[in-house]
Each structure stands twice: as structure tokens, then as C-alpha cells.
């Protein structure tokens, strides 16, 4: 059904780097002179944009690629509670027609369309909209991205392949965020193991601190937080978060092992707050809308450590932080440039383009 080149970028799990790869590949295609379209068929990260529901990833792509397509074409299906209820009740929404019509709109006058999958490869299956099902409906190939956190990533890939009924549908696999210490192991053992089983590995991307890090100012914005101290250091970069919920002596050792971190703890835990300041962490996020003591704020200001306060509890704040730190959100131009460099140096881009007909 597809009359322009296209690829669906899928993943084994959330936060595998799917969006950043989609953005980087799109920029490389544009630099080669191709007109690039984008769609995320199923919006699962809902945000309010001027009173209209949209998807966070889709909005990022609209900004990066200056897309003028209507939001309902870029993300035609939004995973709302009503949608889930209708699916469980057996209401047929004719999503195949919805997807085909949306694709036709975003592919008009384009050389290639990048299609971003939903969460993990099986996300949306209850609606008949898992990534392989969407790929089949649109007649496009899939690129599978897996975060290599351990050798168990191989198990995930093999299980994911079982969900793709037609082997010809898979354009290849990219192993992402490989730790430097594991790079030789992955290239010498993991890649040959997969390729012996007919799984083409088209890229192995190293873990990169530039992509994982976010400025504290972005954390403040994302958490709708109030800055209480250290405002002159809000552009300091953070690439880990730690949860302060232990005994003080253990906390200091814990914090010192990961210095480029921000610590999440209750606003009433002044002992943990002072321990974090003593360990020279990058910042403090205080939960529960509880004001810290003047001594904590004074010590933080003197040490140049931002202290921010949020209304949410610790668990909900951790959930927001998981979606923020480690994701390559391209609010900063240097991140986008770095992602392009990583792809060009570590992915067989020409082979991928040939596979999808460019």
C-alpha cells in the first residue's frame, strides 16, 4: 500500500532510544536532500497543546522537523481511557482505515516517512495495533531498537522477533546504549550470535552521557517545581537520579558514588538533605510540598546546589524523573548534533536506506 519509502522504528521496551534514533535518522535524511515525513500512529504520552490532546514525542518531532501536518494525521489514535474501554467492550473502531488515511496525508509530497512505534513492540496489541500489526497494515518494514543493559537484551530481541510473523518485515536491529566496557563483548559475541540466527544487526551505539543528561532547569519545568536555592546553577547537567530514603551514613556513601546526580527525597528529611549537600550532589528535589529548614537552604546556596520543591509524592516524582533523565529530548541543539554523529559513525545508514528503497 505504501508508495513512498518508509520505516517503522520499534523497540523492545520503553525509553530504549527509539525517539532519538527516529530524530537522528530523520536529520540525516534531510541532510541528504530527502523530504521527510513523520507519524506516530498511536499516541501513548498524552499532553495538552492549546487545549487539544497530542503526543509528547509527536510534538517534539513537529518542532524539530517544522512539520505542518495536522496533529490528527501525525498521531491519529490516542490511547485514552475511553479507547481502552471500547476495545475491551469489543467496539470496532476500524483503525486500519484510520492509519491508512493518516499515512496518506503525512506521506504526500514526501520521499520518506518515519513511523514511530508505541512503547514496546507489543504495545497496542489489545487494539490490534502492536508495532508488527501497524507495520503490516501500512506495508512497511520495521527497525527494532533494543537498549543493551545486559546479555538479557538478547532474550528480549529473540522474543520480539517471534512477534514479527514475516521475517522479511524486519529491516534490522540496533543495539543502543552499550556501555564502553561491554562494547567488545557485544561486537565479538552478541552480534555474531544474532546474525547466525538471521537477525541483521545494522548498528551498535555506545552509551553517551551527552544524550542522557538534562539541565536542572528542564527538571524544574517538567516537574512544575519551585526553585528554593541555587538558582544560578540551574543549567548544570544531571545524568542520574538517586532516591534518599535510607540511613544517613549509608546515604553519604551512596551519593558520593554518583556525583552527577540529583537526589529525590521528602521535604521533611533534613538529615538526608544535608547528607546530599555534604556529598556535593548536583541538586535536590524535595517532595510533598514540604519546605526545608533555613539551615538546609543556606548550606545549599553556599555550596551552589539547586534545591527545588514539588507538590507530588516521592513515588510519582520518581516516575516523572524516569521519563526525563536518560531520554534524548532535543531541546538543546548539541544533543541533536551528537545523535546524528553517533548514528553516522555506528549505524549502516546506507544499508538501511537501501533496504527501505532509497
Protein backbone atom coordinates (compact mmCIF):
# COMPACT_ATOMS: atom_id res chain seq x y z
CA UNK A 1 0.00 0.00 0.00
CA UNK A 2 2.97 2.30 0.62
CA UNK A 3 4.15 4.26 -2.41
CA UNK A 4 6.89 6.20 -0.62
CA UNK A 5 9.82 4.81 1.32
CA UNK A 6 9.04 4.26 4.99
CA UNK A 7 10.31 2.54 8.12
CA UNK A 8 8.61 1.80 11.44
CA UNK A 9 11.03 2.24 14.34
CA UNK A 10 10.05 -0.16 17.11
CA UNK A 11 11.65 -1.09 20.43
CA UNK A 12 11.91 -3.86 22.96
CA UNK A 13 10.98 -1.61 25.87
CA UNK A 14 10.18 1.97 26.83
CA UNK A 15 12.99 4.52 26.81
CA UNK A 16 15.18 2.40 24.55
CA UNK A 17 16.17 5.40 22.41
CA UNK A 18 13.50 4.94 19.75
CA UNK A 19 12.58 8.63 19.58
CA UNK A 20 16.17 9.84 19.50
CA UNK A 21 17.04 7.42 16.70
CA UNK A 22 13.96 8.47 14.78
CA UNK A 23 15.04 12.11 15.11
CA UNK A 24 18.66 11.43 14.20
CA UNK A 25 17.79 9.32 11.16
CA UNK A 26 15.36 11.99 10.05
CA UNK A 27 18.03 14.70 10.25
CA UNK A 28 20.47 12.55 8.27
CA UNK A 29 17.82 12.01 5.59
CA UNK A 30 17.12 15.74 5.42
CA UNK A 31 20.84 16.47 5.14
CA UNK A 32 20.93 14.07 2.17
CA UNK A 33 18.22 16.12 0.48
CA UNK A 34 15.18 13.94 1.16
CA UNK A 35 11.80 15.36 2.17
CA UNK A 36 10.96 13.65 5.46
CA UNK A 37 7.51 12.96 6.90
CA UNK A 38 6.75 11.58 10.34
CA UNK A 39 3.91 9.90 12.15
CA UNK A 40 3.41 8.22 15.49
CA UNK A 41 0.24 6.24 14.77
CA UNK A 42 -0.65 5.68 18.41
CA UNK A 43 -0.13 8.42 20.99
CA UNK A 44 0.67 6.98 24.40
CA UNK A 45 2.34 10.01 26.04
CA UNK A 46 -0.56 12.41 26.07
CA UNK A 47 -0.04 16.14 26.56
CA UNK A 48 -2.32 19.15 26.31
CA UNK A 49 -1.34 21.50 23.47
CA UNK A 50 -3.50 24.62 23.43
CA UNK A 51 -6.49 22.67 24.70
CA UNK A 52 -6.03 19.77 22.29
CA UNK A 53 -4.69 16.33 23.25
CA UNK A 54 -1.50 15.35 21.47
CA UNK A 55 1.51 13.08 21.99
CA UNK A 56 4.72 14.38 23.57
CA UNK A 57 7.04 12.61 21.11
CA UNK A 58 4.97 13.80 18.15
CA UNK A 59 5.13 17.39 19.37
CA UNK A 60 8.91 17.15 19.66
CA UNK A 61 9.10 15.91 16.07
CA UNK A 62 6.83 18.70 14.86
CA UNK A 63 9.29 21.21 16.30
CA UNK A 64 12.47 19.51 15.09
CA UNK A 65 11.25 18.95 11.52
CA UNK A 66 8.98 22.01 11.23
CA UNK A 67 6.05 19.78 10.30
CA UNK A 68 2.84 21.47 9.24
CA UNK A 69 0.72 18.31 9.05
CA UNK A 70 -2.37 18.29 11.24
CA UNK A 71 -1.81 16.63 14.65
CA UNK A 72 -4.66 14.19 13.92
CA UNK A 73 -2.68 12.92 10.91
CA UNK A 74 0.67 12.72 12.69
CA UNK A 75 -0.95 10.89 15.65
CA UNK A 76 -4.37 9.65 14.52
CA UNK A 77 -5.07 7.42 17.53
CA UNK A 78 -4.70 8.48 21.17
CA UNK A 79 -4.65 5.87 23.94
CA UNK A 80 -7.30 7.34 26.22
CA UNK A 81 -9.33 5.55 28.90
CA UNK A 82 -12.37 5.65 26.59
CA UNK A 83 -10.40 3.91 23.87
CA UNK A 84 -9.38 1.13 26.25
CA UNK A 85 -12.98 0.72 27.43
CA UNK A 86 -14.27 0.44 23.87
CA UNK A 87 -11.59 -2.10 22.97
CA UNK A 88 -12.48 -4.27 25.97
CA UNK A 89 -16.17 -3.94 25.10
CA UNK A 90 -15.49 -5.17 21.57
CA UNK A 91 -16.30 -1.92 19.74
CA UNK A 92 -14.73 -1.99 16.25
CA UNK A 93 -13.06 1.35 15.55
CA UNK A 94 -11.80 0.45 12.05
CA UNK A 95 -8.31 1.57 12.96
CA UNK A 96 -6.80 0.11 9.81
CA UNK A 97 -8.65 2.70 7.71
CA UNK A 98 -7.69 5.45 10.16
CA UNK A 99 -4.00 4.55 9.86
CA UNK A 100 -4.03 4.27 6.07
CA UNK A 101 -5.75 7.64 5.70
CA UNK A 102 -3.33 9.34 8.12
CA UNK A 103 -0.33 7.83 6.37
CA UNK A 104 -1.61 9.04 3.02
CA UNK A 105 -1.78 12.57 4.42
CA UNK A 106 1.69 12.69 6.01
CA UNK A 107 3.34 10.98 3.02
CA UNK A 108 2.03 13.49 0.46
CA UNK A 109 4.95 15.13 -1.40
CA UNK A 110 7.44 13.29 0.83
CA UNK A 111 10.31 11.00 -0.15
CA UNK A 112 10.29 9.03 3.08
CA UNK A 113 8.13 8.70 6.20
CA UNK A 114 9.47 7.72 9.62
CA UNK A 115 6.88 5.89 11.73
CA UNK A 116 7.47 5.73 15.47
CA UNK A 117 6.17 2.74 17.39
CA UNK A 118 4.33 2.75 20.71
CA UNK A 119 6.32 1.87 23.83
CA UNK A 120 7.46 -1.73 23.44
CA UNK A 121 6.90 -3.76 20.31
CA UNK A 122 3.68 -5.30 21.66
CA UNK A 123 2.15 -2.03 22.87
CA UNK A 124 -1.33 -1.51 21.46
CA UNK A 125 -1.96 -5.22 20.80
CA UNK A 126 -5.36 -5.10 22.54
CA UNK A 127 -6.47 -2.67 19.83
CA UNK A 128 -4.93 -4.71 17.02
CA UNK A 129 -2.20 -2.06 16.88
CA UNK A 130 1.04 -3.67 18.04
CA UNK A 131 4.04 -2.47 16.03
CA UNK A 132 4.05 -5.57 13.77
CA UNK A 133 0.31 -5.14 13.18
CA UNK A 134 0.74 -1.46 12.28
CA UNK A 135 3.67 -2.37 10.04
CA UNK A 136 1.51 -4.94 8.27
CA UNK A 137 -1.39 -2.51 7.82
CA UNK A 138 0.89 0.13 6.30
CA UNK A 139 3.05 -2.33 4.37
CA UNK A 140 6.30 -1.01 5.81
CA UNK A 141 9.41 -2.62 7.26
CA UNK A 142 10.46 -2.43 10.90
CA UNK A 143 13.69 -1.35 12.59
CA UNK A 144 13.98 -2.79 16.10
CA UNK A 145 15.89 -0.82 18.75
CA UNK A 146 16.99 -2.51 21.96
CA UNK A 147 18.77 -0.93 24.91
CA UNK A 148 21.69 -3.22 25.72
CA UNK A 149 21.62 -3.17 29.53
CA UNK A 150 22.84 -6.77 29.89
CA UNK A 151 23.06 -10.01 27.93
CA UNK A 152 19.35 -10.47 28.65
CA UNK A 153 18.77 -7.94 25.86
CA UNK A 154 19.40 -10.90 23.55
CA UNK A 155 16.42 -12.71 25.10
CA UNK A 156 14.25 -9.66 24.52
CA UNK A 157 15.27 -9.47 20.88
CA UNK A 158 14.58 -13.15 20.27
CA UNK A 159 11.16 -12.85 21.92
CA UNK A 160 10.40 -9.71 19.90
CA UNK A 161 11.27 -11.49 16.67
CA UNK A 162 8.61 -14.09 17.50
CA UNK A 163 6.01 -11.32 17.33
CA UNK A 164 7.06 -10.44 13.79
CA UNK A 165 5.41 -13.17 11.75
CA UNK A 166 7.04 -12.25 8.44
CA UNK A 167 10.87 -12.27 8.67
CA UNK A 168 11.03 -10.02 5.61
CA UNK A 169 9.30 -7.32 7.63
CA UNK A 170 12.40 -6.76 9.80
CA UNK A 171 14.92 -4.32 8.28
CA UNK A 172 17.38 -4.84 11.10
CA UNK A 173 18.24 -4.40 14.77
CA UNK A 174 20.14 -1.61 16.56
CA UNK A 175 21.72 -2.29 19.95
CA UNK A 176 21.63 1.01 21.83
CA UNK A 177 23.36 2.47 24.90
CA UNK A 178 26.08 -0.18 25.07
CA UNK A 179 28.44 0.52 27.96
CA UNK A 180 32.03 1.08 26.86
CA UNK A 181 33.19 -1.86 28.98
CA UNK A 182 30.75 -4.15 27.10
CA UNK A 183 31.47 -2.96 23.55
CA UNK A 184 33.97 -5.69 22.63
CA UNK A 185 31.77 -8.39 24.14
CA UNK A 186 28.76 -7.16 22.17
CA UNK A 187 30.59 -6.83 18.85
CA UNK A 188 32.52 -10.10 19.13
CA UNK A 189 29.86 -12.36 20.67
CA UNK A 190 26.37 -10.86 20.70
CA UNK A 191 26.27 -9.54 17.12
CA UNK A 192 27.54 -12.81 15.54
CA UNK A 193 25.10 -14.80 17.70
CA UNK A 194 22.15 -12.78 16.39
CA UNK A 195 23.32 -12.76 12.78
CA UNK A 196 23.78 -16.54 12.80
CA UNK A 197 20.05 -16.66 13.51
CA UNK A 198 19.23 -14.46 10.55
CA UNK A 199 18.84 -11.23 12.56
CA UNK A 200 20.71 -8.41 10.84
CA UNK A 201 22.38 -6.03 13.29
CA UNK A 202 22.81 -2.71 11.49
CA UNK A 203 24.21 -0.71 14.39
CA UNK A 204 25.79 -0.81 17.84
CA UNK A 205 25.55 2.56 19.60
CA UNK A 206 27.66 3.34 22.68
CA UNK A 207 26.17 4.87 25.79
CA UNK A 208 26.64 8.62 25.64
CA UNK A 209 26.48 10.96 28.64
CA UNK A 210 25.59 13.97 26.47
CA UNK A 211 22.34 12.34 25.39
CA UNK A 212 21.44 11.05 28.84
CA UNK A 213 22.00 14.32 30.68
CA UNK A 214 19.44 17.08 31.27
CA UNK A 215 19.89 20.55 32.76
CA UNK A 216 18.25 21.07 36.14
CA UNK A 217 16.17 23.85 34.55
CA UNK A 218 14.48 21.18 32.40
CA UNK A 219 13.71 19.13 35.52
CA UNK A 220 12.18 22.23 37.11
CA UNK A 221 9.99 22.76 34.04
CA UNK A 222 8.95 19.13 33.72
CA UNK A 223 8.07 18.73 37.41
CA UNK A 224 6.41 22.17 37.66
CA UNK A 225 8.74 22.77 40.57
CA UNK A 226 9.64 25.84 42.61
CA UNK A 227 13.30 26.79 42.98
CA UNK A 228 14.27 27.50 46.60
CA UNK A 229 18.06 27.74 46.37
CA UNK A 230 20.96 27.56 43.94
CA UNK A 231 19.15 29.29 41.07
CA UNK A 232 22.45 30.30 39.43
CA UNK A 233 23.26 26.62 38.81
CA UNK A 234 20.07 25.54 37.00
CA UNK A 235 21.95 24.85 33.77
CA UNK A 236 24.17 22.25 35.47
CA UNK A 237 23.71 18.85 33.81
CA UNK A 238 22.37 15.76 35.59
CA UNK A 239 22.56 12.23 34.20
CA UNK A 240 21.27 10.17 37.15
CA UNK A 241 18.73 10.48 39.91
CA UNK A 242 19.03 8.94 43.36
CA UNK A 243 16.34 8.36 45.97
CA UNK A 244 17.22 9.39 49.51
CA UNK A 245 15.28 7.00 51.72
CA UNK A 246 17.92 5.38 53.86
CA UNK A 247 20.01 5.91 56.99
CA UNK A 248 22.27 8.98 56.84
CA UNK A 249 25.70 7.30 56.93
CA UNK A 250 24.72 4.95 54.12
CA UNK A 251 23.26 7.88 52.20
CA UNK A 252 26.52 9.86 52.09
CA UNK A 253 28.43 6.89 50.64
CA UNK A 254 25.60 6.25 48.19
CA UNK A 255 25.53 9.85 46.99
CA UNK A 256 29.30 10.13 46.62
CA UNK A 257 29.41 7.12 44.27
CA UNK A 258 27.32 9.01 41.67
CA UNK A 259 28.32 12.68 41.87
CA UNK A 260 26.47 13.93 38.74
CA UNK A 261 23.11 13.07 40.28
CA UNK A 262 20.06 14.81 41.61
CA UNK A 263 18.60 13.43 44.85
CA UNK A 264 14.87 12.93 45.37
CA UNK A 265 13.78 12.90 49.00
CA UNK A 266 10.96 14.01 51.26
CA UNK A 267 10.82 17.67 52.20
CA UNK A 268 10.89 16.64 55.84
CA UNK A 269 14.13 14.61 55.57
CA UNK A 270 16.59 17.33 56.59
CA UNK A 271 19.18 14.70 57.55
CA UNK A 272 19.21 13.25 54.02
CA UNK A 273 19.17 16.73 52.52
CA UNK A 274 22.27 17.77 54.48
CA UNK A 275 23.98 14.48 53.58
CA UNK A 276 23.35 15.15 49.88
CA UNK A 277 24.78 18.66 50.19
CA UNK A 278 27.83 17.30 52.01
CA UNK A 279 28.32 14.77 49.19
CA UNK A 280 28.18 17.61 46.61
CA UNK A 281 25.35 16.20 44.50
CA UNK A 282 24.10 18.30 41.58
CA UNK A 283 20.73 19.13 43.11
CA UNK A 284 17.89 18.25 45.47
CA UNK A 285 14.25 17.55 44.63
CA UNK A 286 12.07 17.79 47.74
CA UNK A 287 8.68 16.08 47.53
CA UNK A 288 5.36 16.54 49.27
CA UNK A 289 5.41 20.35 49.02
CA UNK A 290 7.21 20.44 52.39
CA UNK A 291 9.54 23.38 52.97
CA UNK A 292 13.09 22.53 54.13
CA UNK A 293 14.81 24.26 57.02
CA UNK A 294 16.67 27.55 56.68
CA UNK A 295 19.88 25.66 57.51
CA UNK A 296 19.41 23.36 54.50
CA UNK A 297 18.72 26.26 52.15
CA UNK A 298 21.68 28.24 53.48
CA UNK A 299 24.04 25.28 53.08
CA UNK A 300 22.73 24.56 49.57
CA UNK A 301 23.15 28.18 48.47
CA UNK A 302 26.68 28.27 49.85
CA UNK A 303 27.56 25.02 48.03
CA UNK A 304 25.89 26.15 44.77
CA UNK A 305 23.41 23.25 44.83
CA UNK A 306 19.89 23.91 43.47
CA UNK A 307 17.02 22.91 45.74
CA UNK A 308 13.60 22.54 44.14
CA UNK A 309 10.28 21.60 45.71
CA UNK A 310 7.39 19.69 44.11
CA UNK A 311 3.82 19.01 45.17
CA UNK A 312 3.83 15.33 44.22
CA UNK A 313 4.90 12.46 46.46
CA UNK A 314 8.22 10.67 46.09
CA UNK A 315 6.90 7.76 44.01
CA UNK A 316 5.14 9.94 41.43
CA UNK A 317 8.21 12.18 41.22
CA UNK A 318 10.41 9.15 40.56
CA UNK A 319 8.06 8.16 37.73
CA UNK A 320 8.42 11.58 36.12
CA UNK A 321 12.18 11.51 36.54
CA UNK A 322 12.45 8.09 34.85
CA UNK A 323 10.84 9.59 31.79
CA UNK A 324 13.16 12.59 31.82
CA UNK A 325 16.71 11.52 32.66
CA UNK A 326 18.17 9.15 30.08
CA UNK A 327 15.84 10.23 27.27
CA UNK A 328 17.37 12.18 24.43
CA UNK A 329 14.91 15.06 24.31
CA UNK A 330 16.23 17.56 21.83
CA UNK A 331 15.53 20.87 23.48
CA UNK A 332 19.23 21.56 23.16
CA UNK A 333 20.83 21.71 19.71
CA UNK A 334 24.04 19.98 20.83
CA UNK A 335 22.08 16.82 21.67
CA UNK A 336 20.66 16.56 18.17
CA UNK A 337 24.09 17.04 16.62
CA UNK A 338 25.56 14.42 18.90
CA UNK A 339 22.84 11.90 17.99
CA UNK A 340 23.47 12.44 14.28
CA UNK A 341 27.21 11.88 14.82
CA UNK A 342 26.60 8.66 16.76
CA UNK A 343 24.30 7.25 14.07
CA UNK A 344 26.60 8.18 11.19
CA UNK A 345 29.58 6.59 12.95
CA UNK A 346 27.90 3.45 14.29
CA UNK A 347 24.94 2.54 12.06
CA UNK A 348 24.92 1.22 8.50
CA UNK A 349 22.74 4.10 7.30
CA UNK A 350 23.29 3.38 3.59
CA UNK A 351 22.29 -0.25 4.11
CA UNK A 352 19.13 0.85 5.94
CA UNK A 353 18.20 3.31 3.20
CA UNK A 354 18.74 0.67 0.55
CA UNK A 355 16.52 -1.75 2.45
CA UNK A 356 13.61 0.71 2.51
CA UNK A 357 14.03 1.69 -1.13
CA UNK A 358 16.07 4.93 -1.03
